[in-house]
Amino acid sequence: MKKPNAICKSCKKEFYQCYYCLKTQSKFGCCSLECAMEYQKQVTALRAKKQKIDLLPDRLDMSKDQILTYITTKTHEEAKADTLKELSDYQSEIQELGILGVVEQINQEIKSSQKEGDA
């Protein structure tokens, strides 16, 4: 099972974010669509107050400088290739569910294991 490598910008829970999601800023660095919508509200409120906002995702495996370098230098195709390499154990699932479907599956597994750990 993949380990969490990111921290949700909204709820602060750990989750797995693939390189393609990092590059495309999928869900704004949040663990779910619900958290992404909440984070958008937070950003809008901070912008209205003219406060500085760190929009870069929070990763456990990369510094902010590494994140910025990755986002600004990698193409979408390179990010997809990096993701496919990282998810090589999930090739049959990727063919069936696609990359984003596999990422969601990984995050469901992480959520389940976190719940078991809390029990």
PDB file of N, CA and C in Angstrom:
ATOM      1  N   MET A   1       0.845  -1.186   0.000  1.00  0.00           N
ATOM      2  CA  MET A   1       0.000   0.000   0.000  1.00  0.00           C
ATOM      3  C   MET A   1       0.887   1.245   0.000  1.00  0.00           C
ATOM      4  N   LYS A   2       0.515   2.230  -0.806  1.00  0.00           N
ATOM      5  CA  LYS A   2       1.223   3.504  -0.843  1.00  0.00           C
ATOM      6  C   LYS A   2       1.021   4.232   0.476  1.00  0.00           C
ATOM      7  N   LYS A   3       2.030   4.993   0.846  1.00  0.00           N
ATOM      8  CA  LYS A   3       1.951   5.777   2.067  1.00  0.00           C
ATOM      9  C   LYS A   3       1.548   7.207   1.726  1.00  0.00           C
ATOM     10  N   PRO A   4       0.955   7.904   2.684  1.00  0.00           N
ATOM     11  CA  PRO A   4       0.633   9.308   2.445  1.00  0.00           C
ATOM     12  C   PRO A   4       1.908  10.100   2.152  1.00  0.00           C
ATOM     13  N   ASN A   5       1.802  11.058   1.248  1.00  0.00           N
ATOM     14  CA  ASN A   5       2.949  11.901   0.921  1.00  0.00           C
ATOM     15  C   ASN A   5       2.571  13.381   0.882  1.00  0.00           C
ATOM     16  N   ALA A   6       1.337  13.688   1.292  1.00  0.00           N
ATOM     17  CA  ALA A   6       0.864  15.067   1.263  1.00  0.00           C
ATOM     18  C   ALA A   6      -0.027  15.332   2.473  1.00  0.00           C
ATOM     19  N   ILE A   7      -0.208  16.611   2.775  1.00  0.00           N
ATOM     20  CA  ILE A   7      -1.076  17.034   3.866  1.00  0.00           C
ATOM     21  C   ILE A   7      -2.141  17.948   3.266  1.00  0.00           C
ATOM     22  N   CYS A   8      -3.379  17.636   3.524  1.00  0.00           N
ATOM     23  CA  CYS A   8      -4.496  18.396   2.978  1.00  0.00           C
ATOM     24  C   CYS A   8      -4.412  19.862   3.419  1.00  0.00           C
ATOM     25  N   LYS A   9      -4.563  20.773   2.463  1.00  0.00           N
ATOM     26  CA  LYS A   9      -4.513  22.211   2.748  1.00  0.00           C
ATOM     27  C   LYS A   9      -5.696  22.643   3.609  1.00  0.00           C
ATOM     28  N   SER A  10      -6.770  21.875   3.647  1.00  0.00           N
ATOM     29  CA  SER A  10      -7.966  22.257   4.390  1.00  0.00           C
ATOM     30  C   SER A  10      -8.061  21.550   5.743  1.00  0.00           C
ATOM     31  N   CYS A  11      -8.157  20.220   5.736  1.00  0.00           N
ATOM     32  CA  CYS A  11      -8.383  19.482   6.988  1.00  0.00           C
ATOM     33  C   CYS A  11      -7.097  19.004   7.664  1.00  0.00           C
ATOM     34  N   LYS A  12      -5.965  19.128   6.962  1.00  0.00           N
ATOM     35  CA  LYS A  12      -4.630  18.778   7.479  1.00  0.00           C
ATOM     36  C   LYS A  12      -4.395  17.280   7.641  1.00  0.00           C
ATOM     37  N   LYS A  13      -5.272  16.449   7.080  1.00  0.00           N
ATOM     38  CA  LYS A  13      -5.054  15.000   7.115  1.00  0.00           C
ATOM     39  C   LYS A  13      -4.021  14.617   6.057  1.00  0.00           C
ATOM     40  N   GLU A  14      -3.297  13.546   6.325  1.00  0.00           N
ATOM     41  CA  GLU A  14      -2.320  13.035   5.366  1.00  0.00           C
ATOM     42  C   GLU A  14      -3.034  12.209   4.303  1.00  0.00           C
ATOM     43  N   PHE A  15      -2.563  12.333   3.058  1.00  0.00           N
ATOM     44  CA  PHE A  15      -3.141  11.571   1.959  1.00  0.00           C
ATOM     45  C   PHE A  15      -2.068  11.358   0.891  1.00  0.00           C
ATOM     46  N   TYR A  16      -2.392  10.557  -0.119  1.00  0.00           N
ATOM     47  CA  TYR A  16      -1.474  10.302  -1.220  1.00  0.00           C
ATOM     48  C   TYR A  16      -1.822  11.220  -2.387  1.00  0.00           C
ATOM     49  N   GLN A  17      -0.797  11.878  -2.935  1.00  0.00           N
ATOM     50  CA  GLN A  17      -0.959  12.746  -4.103  1.00  0.00           C
ATOM     51  C   GLN A  17       0.053  12.303  -5.153  1.00  0.00           C
ATOM     52  N   CYS A  18      -0.422  11.933  -6.333  1.00  0.00           N
ATOM     53  CA  CYS A  18       0.493  11.526  -7.401  1.00  0.00           C
ATOM     54  C   CYS A  18       1.162  12.745  -8.015  1.00  0.00           C
ATOM     55  N   TYR A  19       2.206  12.515  -8.795  1.00  0.00           N
ATOM     56  CA  TYR A  19       2.921  13.610  -9.447  1.00  0.00           C
ATOM     57  C   TYR A  19       2.040  14.364 -10.429  1.00  0.00           C
ATOM     58  N   TYR A  20       1.172  13.636 -11.116  1.00  0.00           N
ATOM     59  CA  TYR A  20       0.291  14.294 -12.078  1.00  0.00           C
ATOM     60  C   TYR A  20      -0.656  15.260 -11.368  1.00  0.00           C
ATOM     61  N   CYS A  21      -1.184  14.845 -10.211  1.00  0.00           N
ATOM     62  CA  CYS A  21      -2.054  15.725  -9.422  1.00  0.00           C
ATOM     63  C   CYS A  21      -1.270  16.914  -8.876  1.00  0.00           C
ATOM     64  N   LEU A  22      -0.019  16.683  -8.515  1.00  0.00           N
ATOM     65  CA  LEU A  22       0.836  17.778  -8.064  1.00  0.00           C
ATOM     66  C   LEU A  22       1.009  18.795  -9.184  1.00  0.00           C
ATOM     67  N   LYS A  23       1.343  18.328 -10.362  1.00  0.00           N
ATOM     68  CA  LYS A  23       1.576  19.205 -11.513  1.00  0.00           C
ATOM     69  C   LYS A  23       0.321  19.981 -11.901  1.00  0.00           C
ATOM     70  N   THR A  24      -0.811  19.304 -11.915  1.00  0.00           N
ATOM     71  CA  THR A  24      -2.049  19.933 -12.369  1.00  0.00           C
ATOM     72  C   THR A  24      -2.789  20.657 -11.248  1.00  0.00           C
ATOM     73  N   GLN A  25      -2.259  20.556 -10.037  1.00  0.00           N
ATOM     74  CA  GLN A  25      -2.896  21.174  -8.866  1.00  0.00           C
ATOM     75  C   GLN A  25      -4.319  20.640  -8.671  1.00  0.00           C
ATOM     76  N   SER A  26      -4.481  19.361  -8.953  1.00  0.00           N
ATOM     77  CA  SER A  26      -5.772  18.707  -8.794  1.00  0.00           C
ATOM     78  C   SER A  26      -6.255  18.859  -7.347  1.00  0.00           C
ATOM     79  N   LYS A  27      -7.448  19.275  -7.195  1.00  0.00           N
ATOM     80  CA  LYS A  27      -8.082  19.488  -5.885  1.00  0.00           C
ATOM     81  C   LYS A  27      -7.302  20.464  -5.004  1.00  0.00           C
ATOM     82  N   PHE A  28      -6.499  21.315  -5.604  1.00  0.00           N
ATOM     83  CA  PHE A  28      -5.784  22.386  -4.895  1.00  0.00           C
ATOM     84  C   PHE A  28      -4.937  21.880  -3.727  1.00  0.00           C
ATOM     85  N   GLY A  29      -4.429  20.658  -3.828  1.00  0.00           N
ATOM     86  CA  GLY A  29      -3.619  20.109  -2.735  1.00  0.00           C
ATOM     87  C   GLY A  29      -4.456  19.639  -1.564  1.00  0.00           C
ATOM     88  N   CYS A  30      -5.699  19.297  -1.835  1.00  0.00           N
ATOM     89  CA  CYS A  30      -6.604  18.820  -0.779  1.00  0.00           C
ATOM     90  C   CYS A  30      -6.917  17.336  -0.981  1.00  0.00           C
ATOM     91  N   CYS A  31      -7.355  16.707   0.091  1.00  0.00           N
ATOM     92  CA  CYS A  31      -7.586  15.255   0.058  1.00  0.00           C
ATOM     93  C   CYS A  31      -8.914  14.860  -0.586  1.00  0.00           C
ATOM     94  N   SER A  32      -9.833  15.802  -0.724  1.00  0.00           N
ATOM     95  CA  SER A  32     -11.146  15.478  -1.299  1.00  0.00           C
ATOM     96  C   SER A  32     -11.725  16.719  -1.971  1.00  0.00           C
ATOM     97  N   LEU A  33     -12.772  16.519  -2.751  1.00  0.00           N
ATOM     98  CA  LEU A  33     -13.441  17.655  -3.385  1.00  0.00           C
ATOM     99  C   LEU A  33     -14.081  18.563  -2.335  1.00  0.00           C
ATOM    100  N   GLU A  34     -14.593  17.962  -1.266  1.00  0.00           N
ATOM    101  CA  GLU A  34     -15.198  18.753  -0.194  1.00  0.00           C
ATOM    102  C   GLU A  34     -14.163  19.672   0.451  1.00  0.00           C
ATOM    103  N   CYS A  35     -12.987  19.120   0.732  1.00  0.00           N
ATOM    104  CA  CYS A  35     -11.914  19.927   1.310  1.00  0.00           C
ATOM    105  C   CYS A  35     -11.432  20.984   0.325  1.00  0.00           C
ATOM    106  N   ALA A  36     -11.402  20.653  -0.953  1.00  0.00           N
ATOM    107  CA  ALA A  36     -10.984  21.624  -1.969  1.00  0.00           C
ATOM    108  C   ALA A  36     -11.947  22.801  -2.015  1.00  0.00           C
ATOM    109  N   MET A  37     -13.250  22.531  -1.909  1.00  0.00           N
ATOM    110  CA  MET A  37     -14.231  23.615  -1.908  1.00  0.00           C
ATOM    111  C   MET A  37     -14.077  24.478  -0.659  1.00  0.00           C
ATOM    112  N   GLU A  38     -13.845  23.840   0.474  1.00  0.00           N
ATOM    113  CA  GLU A  38     -13.629  24.583   1.719  1.00  0.00           C
ATOM    114  C   GLU A  38     -12.352  25.415   1.630  1.00  0.00           C
ATOM    115  N   TYR A  39     -11.306  24.841   1.086  1.00  0.00           N
ATOM    116  CA  TYR A  39     -10.045  25.567   0.932  1.00  0.00           C
ATOM    117  C   TYR A  39     -10.217  26.772   0.014  1.00  0.00           C
ATOM    118  N   GLN A  40     -10.988  26.622  -1.051  1.00  0.00           N
ATOM    119  CA  GLN A  40     -11.259  27.744  -1.951  1.00  0.00           C
ATOM    120  C   GLN A  40     -11.925  28.891  -1.191  1.00  0.00           C
ATOM    121  N   LYS A  41     -12.847  28.560  -0.291  1.00  0.00           N
ATOM    122  CA  LYS A  41     -13.499  29.583   0.534  1.00  0.00           C
ATOM    123  C   LYS A  41     -12.479  30.284   1.423  1.00  0.00           C
ATOM    124  N   GLN A  42     -11.562  29.484   2.019  1.00  0.00           N
ATOM    125  CA  GLN A  42     -10.526  30.063   2.883  1.00  0.00           C
ATOM    126  C   GLN A  42      -9.627  31.006   2.087  1.00  0.00           C
ATOM    127  N   VAL A  43      -9.227  30.591   0.900  1.00  0.00           N
ATOM    128  CA  VAL A  43      -8.362  31.418   0.045  1.00  0.00           C
ATOM    129  C   VAL A  43      -9.076  32.703  -0.344  1.00  0.00           C
ATOM    130  N   THR A  44     -10.337  32.593  -0.718  1.00  0.00           N
ATOM    131  CA  THR A  44     -11.109  33.780  -1.095  1.00  0.00           C
ATOM    132  C   THR A  44     -11.194  34.761   0.070  1.00  0.00           C
ATOM    133  N   ALA A  45     -11.433  34.252   1.270  1.00  0.00           N
ATOM    134  CA  ALA A  45     -11.524  35.115   2.453  1.00  0.00           C
ATOM    135  C   ALA A  45     -10.183  35.791   2.739  1.00  0.00           C
ATOM    136  N   LEU A  46      -9.086  35.048   2.619  1.00  0.00           N
ATOM    137  CA  LEU A  46      -7.764  35.624   2.846  1.00  0.00           C
ATOM    138  C   LEU A  46      -7.414  36.669   1.790  1.00  0.00           C
ATOM    139  N   ARG A  47      -7.773  36.397   0.557  1.00  0.00           N
ATOM    140  CA  ARG A  47      -7.520  37.361  -0.522  1.00  0.00           C
ATOM    141  C   ARG A  47      -8.309  38.654  -0.296  1.00  0.00           C
ATOM    142  N   ALA A  48      -9.547  38.511   0.196  1.00  0.00           N
ATOM    143  CA  ALA A  48     -10.371  39.693   0.471  1.00  0.00           C
ATOM    144  C   ALA A  48      -9.718  40.569   1.538  1.00  0.00           C
ATOM    145  N   LYS A  49      -8.972  39.943   2.443  1.00  0.00           N
ATOM    146  CA  LYS A  49      -8.266  40.671   3.507  1.00  0.00           C
ATOM    147  C   LYS A  49      -6.859  41.077   3.075  1.00  0.00           C
ATOM    148  N   LYS A  50      -6.543  40.772   1.809  1.00  0.00           N
ATOM    149  CA  LYS A  50      -5.220  41.086   1.236  1.00  0.00           C
ATOM    150  C   LYS A  50      -4.078  40.404   2.002  1.00  0.00           C
ATOM    151  N   GLN A  51      -4.353  39.204   2.523  1.00  0.00           N
ATOM    152  CA  GLN A  51      -3.339  38.444   3.250  1.00  0.00           C
ATOM    153  C   GLN A  51      -2.587  37.533   2.296  1.00  0.00           C
ATOM    154  N   LYS A  52      -1.325  37.296   2.619  1.00  0.00           N
ATOM    155  CA  LYS A  52      -0.492  36.404   1.819  1.00  0.00           C
ATOM    156  C   LYS A  52      -0.979  34.966   1.990  1.00  0.00           C
ATOM    157  N   ILE A  53      -0.977  34.230   0.889  1.00  0.00           N
ATOM    158  CA  ILE A  53      -1.470  32.847   0.896  1.00  0.00           C
ATOM    159  C   ILE A  53      -0.429  31.938   0.259  1.00  0.00           C
ATOM    160  N   ASP A  54      -0.132  30.834   0.923  1.00  0.00           N
ATOM    161  CA  ASP A  54       0.766  29.819   0.356  1.00  0.00           C
ATOM    162  C   ASP A  54      -0.098  28.815  -0.398  1.00  0.00           C
ATOM    163  N   LEU A  55      -0.104  28.923  -1.713  1.00  0.00           N
ATOM    164  CA  LEU A  55      -0.949  28.054  -2.526  1.00  0.00           C
ATOM    165  C   LEU A  55      -0.282  26.740  -2.906  1.00  0.00           C
ATOM    166  N   LEU A  56       1.013  26.591  -2.627  1.00  0.00           N
ATOM    167  CA  LEU A  56       1.689  25.340  -2.968  1.00  0.00           C
ATOM    168  C   LEU A  56       1.192  24.207  -2.079  1.00  0.00           C
ATOM    169  N   PRO A  57       1.079  23.022  -2.633  1.00  0.00           N
ATOM    170  CA  PRO A  57       0.676  21.876  -1.822  1.00  0.00           C
ATOM    171  C   PRO A  57       1.675  21.624  -0.685  1.00  0.00           C
ATOM    172  N   ASP A  58       1.198  20.994   0.357  1.00  0.00           N
ATOM    173  CA  ASP A  58       2.056  20.585   1.464  1.00  0.00           C
ATOM    174  C   ASP A  58       2.389  19.110   1.281  1.00  0.00           C
ATOM    175  N   ARG A  59       3.672  18.830   1.079  1.00  0.00           N
ATOM    176  CA  ARG A  59       4.105  17.451   0.843  1.00  0.00           C
ATOM    177  C   ARG A  59       5.006  16.988   1.979  1.00  0.00           C
ATOM    178  N   LEU A  60       4.938  15.712   2.274  1.00  0.00           N
ATOM    179  CA  LEU A  60       5.800  15.105   3.284  1.00  0.00           C
ATOM    180  C   LEU A  60       7.150  14.707   2.697  1.00  0.00           C
ATOM    181  N   ASP A  61       7.199  14.544   1.377  1.00  0.00           N
ATOM    182  CA  ASP A  61       8.394  14.024   0.712  1.00  0.00           C
ATOM    183  C   ASP A  61       9.145  15.067  -0.117  1.00  0.00           C
ATOM    184  N   MET A  62       8.680  16.311  -0.105  1.00  0.00           N
ATOM    185  CA  MET A  62       9.306  17.355  -0.911  1.00  0.00           C
ATOM    186  C   MET A  62       9.253  18.683  -0.154  1.00  0.00           C
ATOM    187  N   SER A  63      10.300  19.482  -0.330  1.00  0.00           N
ATOM    188  CA  SER A  63      10.296  20.828   0.239  1.00  0.00           C
ATOM    189  C   SER A  63       9.477  21.745  -0.675  1.00  0.00           C
ATOM    190  N   LYS A  64       9.164  22.933  -0.197  1.00  0.00           N
ATOM    191  CA  LYS A  64       8.428  23.899  -1.028  1.00  0.00           C
ATOM    192  C   LYS A  64       9.230  24.234  -2.286  1.00  0.00           C
ATOM    193  N   ASP A  65      10.553  24.372  -2.144  1.00  0.00           N
ATOM    194  CA  ASP A  65      11.387  24.647  -3.321  1.00  0.00           C
ATOM    195  C   ASP A  65      11.319  23.501  -4.330  1.00  0.00           C
ATOM    196  N   GLN A  66      11.351  22.265  -3.851  1.00  0.00           N
ATOM    197  CA  GLN A  66      11.257  21.112  -4.746  1.00  0.00           C
ATOM    198  C   GLN A  66       9.896  21.060  -5.434  1.00  0.00           C
ATOM    199  N   ILE A  67       8.845  21.378  -4.694  1.00  0.00           N
ATOM    200  CA  ILE A  67       7.495  21.405  -5.272  1.00  0.00           C
ATOM    201  C   ILE A  67       7.422  22.456  -6.380  1.00  0.00           C
ATOM    202  N   LEU A  68       7.889  23.653  -6.080  1.00  0.00           N
ATOM    203  CA  LEU A  68       7.850  24.733  -7.059  1.00  0.00           C
ATOM    204  C   LEU A  68       8.658  24.383  -8.299  1.00  0.00           C
ATOM    205  N   THR A  69       9.840  23.805  -8.100  1.00  0.00           N
ATOM    206  CA  THR A  69      10.670  23.388  -9.231  1.00  0.00           C
ATOM    207  C   THR A  69       9.950  22.338 -10.063  1.00  0.00           C
ATOM    208  N   TYR A  70       9.333  21.352  -9.408  1.00  0.00           N
ATOM    209  CA  TYR A  70       8.620  20.289 -10.129  1.00  0.00           C
ATOM    210  C   TYR A  70       7.485  20.887 -10.958  1.00  0.00           C
ATOM    211  N   ILE A  71       6.680  21.725 -10.327  1.00  0.00           N
ATOM    212  CA  ILE A  71       5.512  22.290 -10.996  1.00  0.00           C
ATOM    213  C   ILE A  71       5.915  23.159 -12.182  1.00  0.00           C
ATOM    214  N   THR A  72       6.995  23.898 -12.039  1.00  0.00           N
ATOM    215  CA  THR A  72       7.365  24.855 -13.090  1.00  0.00           C
ATOM    216  C   THR A  72       8.248  24.263 -14.185  1.00  0.00           C
ATOM    217  N   THR A  73       8.895  23.126 -13.930  1.00  0.00           N
ATOM    218  CA  THR A  73       9.802  22.583 -14.948  1.00  0.00           C
ATOM    219  C   THR A  73       9.280  21.337 -15.647  1.00  0.00           C
ATOM    220  N   LYS A  74       8.446  20.575 -15.017  1.00  0.00           N
ATOM    221  CA  LYS A  74       7.935  19.345 -15.632  1.00  0.00           C
ATOM    222  C   LYS A  74       6.737  19.646 -16.517  1.00  0.00           C
ATOM    223  N   THR A  75       6.666  18.952 -17.637  1.00  0.00           N
ATOM    224  CA  THR A  75       5.481  19.049 -18.487  1.00  0.00           C
ATOM    225  C   THR A  75       4.413  18.103 -17.941  1.00  0.00           C
ATOM    226  N   HIS A  76       3.197  18.258 -18.441  1.00  0.00           N
ATOM    227  CA  HIS A  76       2.123  17.345 -18.035  1.00  0.00           C
ATOM    228  C   HIS A  76       2.484  15.908 -18.406  1.00  0.00           C
ATOM    229  N   GLU A  77       3.087  15.740 -19.571  1.00  0.00           N
ATOM    230  CA  GLU A  77       3.464  14.401 -20.028  1.00  0.00           C
ATOM    231  C   GLU A  77       4.530  13.787 -19.116  1.00  0.00           C
ATOM    232  N   GLU A  78       5.493  14.602 -18.687  1.00  0.00           N
ATOM    233  CA  GLU A  78       6.537  14.101 -17.770  1.00  0.00           C
ATOM    234  C   GLU A  78       5.940  13.742 -16.413  1.00  0.00           C
ATOM    235  N   ALA A  79       5.018  14.549 -15.936  1.00  0.00           N
ATOM    236  CA  ALA A  79       4.368  14.267 -14.653  1.00  0.00           C
ATOM    237  C   ALA A  79       3.552  12.978 -14.743  1.00  0.00           C
ATOM    238  N   LYS A  80       2.889  12.775 -15.870  1.00  0.00           N
ATOM    239  CA  LYS A  80       2.123  11.539 -16.064  1.00  0.00           C
ATOM    240  C   LYS A  80       3.072  10.341 -16.104  1.00  0.00           C
ATOM    241  N   ALA A  81       4.195  10.482 -16.789  1.00  0.00           N
ATOM    242  CA  ALA A  81       5.186   9.394 -16.850  1.00  0.00           C
ATOM    243  C   ALA A  81       5.746   9.104 -15.462  1.00  0.00           C
ATOM    244  N   ASP A  82       6.030  10.139 -14.682  1.00  0.00           N
ATOM    245  CA  ASP A  82       6.523   9.946 -13.308  1.00  0.00           C
ATOM    246  C   ASP A  82       5.486   9.208 -12.466  1.00  0.00           C
ATOM    247  N   THR A  83       4.224   9.569 -12.661  1.00  0.00           N
ATOM    248  CA  THR A  83       3.143   8.916 -11.921  1.00  0.00           C
ATOM    249  C   THR A  83       3.026   7.449 -12.310  1.00  0.00           C
ATOM    250  N   LEU A  84       3.058   7.173 -13.597  1.00  0.00           N
ATOM    251  CA  LEU A  84       2.954   5.779 -14.051  1.00  0.00           C
ATOM    252  C   LEU A  84       4.115   4.943 -13.527  1.00  0.00           C
ATOM    253  N   LYS A  85       5.293   5.528 -13.458  1.00  0.00           N
ATOM    254  CA  LYS A  85       6.455   4.824 -12.905  1.00  0.00           C
ATOM    255  C   LYS A  85       6.244   4.565 -11.413  1.00  0.00           C
ATOM    256  N   GLU A  86       5.797   5.589 -10.684  1.00  0.00           N
ATOM    257  CA  GLU A  86       5.578   5.446  -9.244  1.00  0.00           C
ATOM    258  C   GLU A  86       4.464   4.447  -8.937  1.00  0.00           C
ATOM    259  N   LEU A  87       3.484   4.364  -9.816  1.00  0.00           N
ATOM    260  CA  LEU A  87       2.342   3.468  -9.614  1.00  0.00           C
ATOM    261  C   LEU A  87       2.471   2.187 -10.435  1.00  0.00           C
ATOM    262  N   SER A  88       3.682   1.768 -10.717  1.00  0.00           N
ATOM    263  CA  SER A  88       3.897   0.590 -11.566  1.00  0.00           C
ATOM    264  C   SER A  88       3.253  -0.675 -10.993  1.00  0.00           C
ATOM    265  N   ASP A  89       3.080  -0.750  -9.689  1.00  0.00           N
ATOM    266  CA  ASP A  89       2.424  -1.908  -9.075  1.00  0.00           C
ATOM    267  C   ASP A  89       0.915  -1.919  -9.331  1.00  0.00           C
ATOM    268  N   TYR A  90       0.399  -0.852  -9.875  1.00  0.00           N
ATOM    269  CA  TYR A  90      -1.043  -0.704 -10.082  1.00  0.00           C
ATOM    270  C   TYR A  90      -1.420  -0.669 -11.564  1.00  0.00           C
ATOM    271  N   GLN A  91      -0.597  -1.229 -12.449  1.00  0.00           N
ATOM    272  CA  GLN A  91      -0.825  -1.111 -13.885  1.00  0.00           C
ATOM    273  C   GLN A  91      -2.185  -1.645 -14.331  1.00  0.00           C
ATOM    274  N   SER A  92      -2.605  -2.791 -13.826  1.00  0.00           N
ATOM    275  CA  SER A  92      -3.904  -3.326 -14.261  1.00  0.00           C
ATOM    276  C   SER A  92      -5.046  -2.442 -13.769  1.00  0.00           C
ATOM    277  N   GLU A  93      -4.921  -1.907 -12.552  1.00  0.00           N
ATOM    278  CA  GLU A  93      -5.943  -1.003 -12.033  1.00  0.00           C
ATOM    279  C   GLU A  93      -5.984   0.300 -12.832  1.00  0.00           C
ATOM    280  N   ILE A  94      -4.808   0.796 -13.250  1.00  0.00           N
ATOM    281  CA  ILE A  94      -4.760   2.033 -14.032  1.00  0.00           C
ATOM    282  C   ILE A  94      -5.501   1.846 -15.356  1.00  0.00           C
ATOM    283  N   GLN A  95      -5.314   0.673 -15.986  1.00  0.00           N
ATOM    284  CA  GLN A  95      -6.010   0.423 -17.248  1.00  0.00           C
ATOM    285  C   GLN A  95      -7.522   0.398 -17.052  1.00  0.00           C
ATOM    286  N   GLU A  96      -7.952  -0.078 -15.897  1.00  0.00           N
ATOM    287  CA  GLU A  96      -9.384  -0.172 -15.623  1.00  0.00           C
ATOM    288  C   GLU A  96      -9.965   1.147 -15.085  1.00  0.00           C
ATOM    289  N   LEU A  97      -9.263   1.781 -14.133  1.00  0.00           N
ATOM    290  CA  LEU A  97      -9.800   2.938 -13.421  1.00  0.00           C
ATOM    291  C   LEU A  97      -9.211   4.278 -13.842  1.00  0.00           C
ATOM    292  N   GLY A  98      -8.064   4.244 -14.520  1.00  0.00           N
ATOM    293  CA  GLY A  98      -7.341   5.469 -14.820  1.00  0.00           C
ATOM    294  C   GLY A  98      -6.500   5.904 -13.628  1.00  0.00           C
ATOM    295  N   ILE A  99      -5.607   6.840 -13.852  1.00  0.00           N
ATOM    296  CA  ILE A  99      -4.707   7.283 -12.784  1.00  0.00           C
ATOM    297  C   ILE A  99      -5.489   7.853 -11.608  1.00  0.00           C
ATOM    298  N   LEU A 100      -6.417   8.746 -11.886  1.00  0.00           N
ATOM    299  CA  LEU A 100      -7.153   9.388 -10.792  1.00  0.00           C
ATOM    300  C   LEU A 100      -7.994   8.387 -10.005  1.00  0.00           C
ATOM    301  N   GLY A 101      -8.543   7.399 -10.687  1.00  0.00           N
ATOM    302  CA  GLY A 101      -9.287   6.351  -9.993  1.00  0.00           C
ATOM    303  C   GLY A 101      -8.399   5.545  -9.068  1.00  0.00           C
ATOM    304  N   VAL A 102      -7.186   5.259  -9.505  1.00  0.00           N
ATOM    305  CA  VAL A 102      -6.237   4.516  -8.669  1.00  0.00           C
ATOM    306  C   VAL A 102      -5.812   5.367  -7.478  1.00  0.00           C
ATOM    307  N   VAL A 103      -5.582   6.649  -7.705  1.00  0.00           N
ATOM    308  CA  VAL A 103      -5.214   7.540  -6.600  1.00  0.00           C
ATOM    309  C   VAL A 103      -6.339   7.575  -5.560  1.00  0.00           C
ATOM    310  N   GLU A 104      -7.575   7.650  -6.021  1.00  0.00           N
ATOM    311  CA  GLU A 104      -8.723   7.619  -5.096  1.00  0.00           C
ATOM    312  C   GLU A 104      -8.764   6.304  -4.322  1.00  0.00           C
ATOM    313  N   GLN A 105      -8.493   5.205  -5.003  1.00  0.00           N
ATOM    314  CA  GLN A 105      -8.463   3.891  -4.357  1.00  0.00           C
ATOM    315  C   GLN A 105      -7.373   3.857  -3.290  1.00  0.00           C
ATOM    316  N   ILE A 106      -6.201   4.370  -3.610  1.00  0.00           N
ATOM    317  CA  ILE A 106      -5.092   4.415  -2.651  1.00  0.00           C
ATOM    318  C   ILE A 106      -5.492   5.232  -1.429  1.00  0.00           C
ATOM    319  N   ASN A 107      -6.139   6.364  -1.665  1.00  0.00           N
ATOM    320  CA  ASN A 107      -6.545   7.209  -0.542  1.00  0.00           C
ATOM    321  C   ASN A 107      -7.638   6.568   0.305  1.00  0.00           C
ATOM    322  N   GLN A 108      -8.507   5.772  -0.318  1.00  0.00           N
ATOM    323  CA  GLN A 108      -9.494   5.025   0.464  1.00  0.00           C
ATOM    324  C   GLN A 108      -8.798   3.999   1.360  1.00  0.00           C
ATOM    325  N   GLU A 109      -7.767   3.336   0.828  1.00  0.00           N
ATOM    326  CA  GLU A 109      -6.993   2.379   1.620  1.00  0.00           C
ATOM    327  C   GLU A 109      -6.291   3.083   2.780  1.00  0.00           C
ATOM    328  N   ILE A 110      -5.735   4.238   2.514  1.00  0.00           N
ATOM    329  CA  ILE A 110      -5.059   5.015   3.566  1.00  0.00           C
ATOM    330  C   ILE A 110      -6.059   5.419   4.641  1.00  0.00           C
ATOM    331  N   LYS A 111      -7.241   5.909   4.208  1.00  0.00           N
ATOM    332  CA  LYS A 111      -8.284   6.313   5.149  1.00  0.00           C
ATOM    333  C   LYS A 111      -8.712   5.138   6.029  1.00  0.00           C
ATOM    334  N   SER A 112      -8.887   3.966   5.397  1.00  0.00           N
ATOM    335  CA  SER A 112      -9.288   2.771   6.148  1.00  0.00           C
ATOM    336  C   SER A 112      -8.232   2.382   7.174  1.00  0.00           C
ATOM    337  N   SER A 113      -6.969   2.433   6.768  1.00  0.00           N
ATOM    338  CA  SER A 113      -5.895   2.055   7.700  1.00  0.00           C
ATOM    339  C   SER A 113      -5.760   3.086   8.826  1.00  0.00           C
ATOM    340  N   GLN A 114      -6.034   4.373   8.531  1.00  0.00           N
ATOM    341  CA  GLN A 114      -6.000   5.400   9.572  1.00  0.00           C
ATOM    342  C   GLN A 114      -7.123   5.177  10.578  1.00  0.00           C
ATOM    343  N   LYS A 115      -8.301   4.778  10.085  1.00  0.00           N
ATOM    344  CA  LYS A 115      -9.439   4.487  10.981  1.00  0.00           C
ATOM    345  C   LYS A 115      -9.130   3.302  11.873  1.00  0.00           C
ATOM    346  N   GLU A 116      -8.488   2.253  11.288  1.00  0.00           N
ATOM    347  CA  GLU A 116      -8.111   1.083  12.066  1.00  0.00           C
ATOM    348  C   GLU A 116      -7.104   1.460  13.147  1.00  0.00           C
ATOM    349  N   GLY A 117      -6.198   2.355  12.814  1.00  0.00           N
ATOM    350  CA  GLY A 117      -5.202   2.818  13.777  1.00  0.00           C
ATOM    351  C   GLY A 117      -5.817   3.630  14.895  1.00  0.00           C
ATOM    352  N   ASP A 118      -6.934   4.324  14.610  1.00  0.00           N
ATOM    353  CA  ASP A 118      -7.618   5.127  15.617  1.00  0.00           C
ATOM    354  C   ASP A 118      -8.457   4.265  16.548  1.00  0.00           C
ATOM    355  N   ALA A 119      -8.821   3.065  16.078  1.00  0.00           N
ATOM    356  CA  ALA A 119      -9.715   2.187  16.864  1.00  0.00           C
ATOM    357  C   ALA A 119      -9.010   1.567  18.045  1.00  0.00           C
TER     358      ALA A 119
END
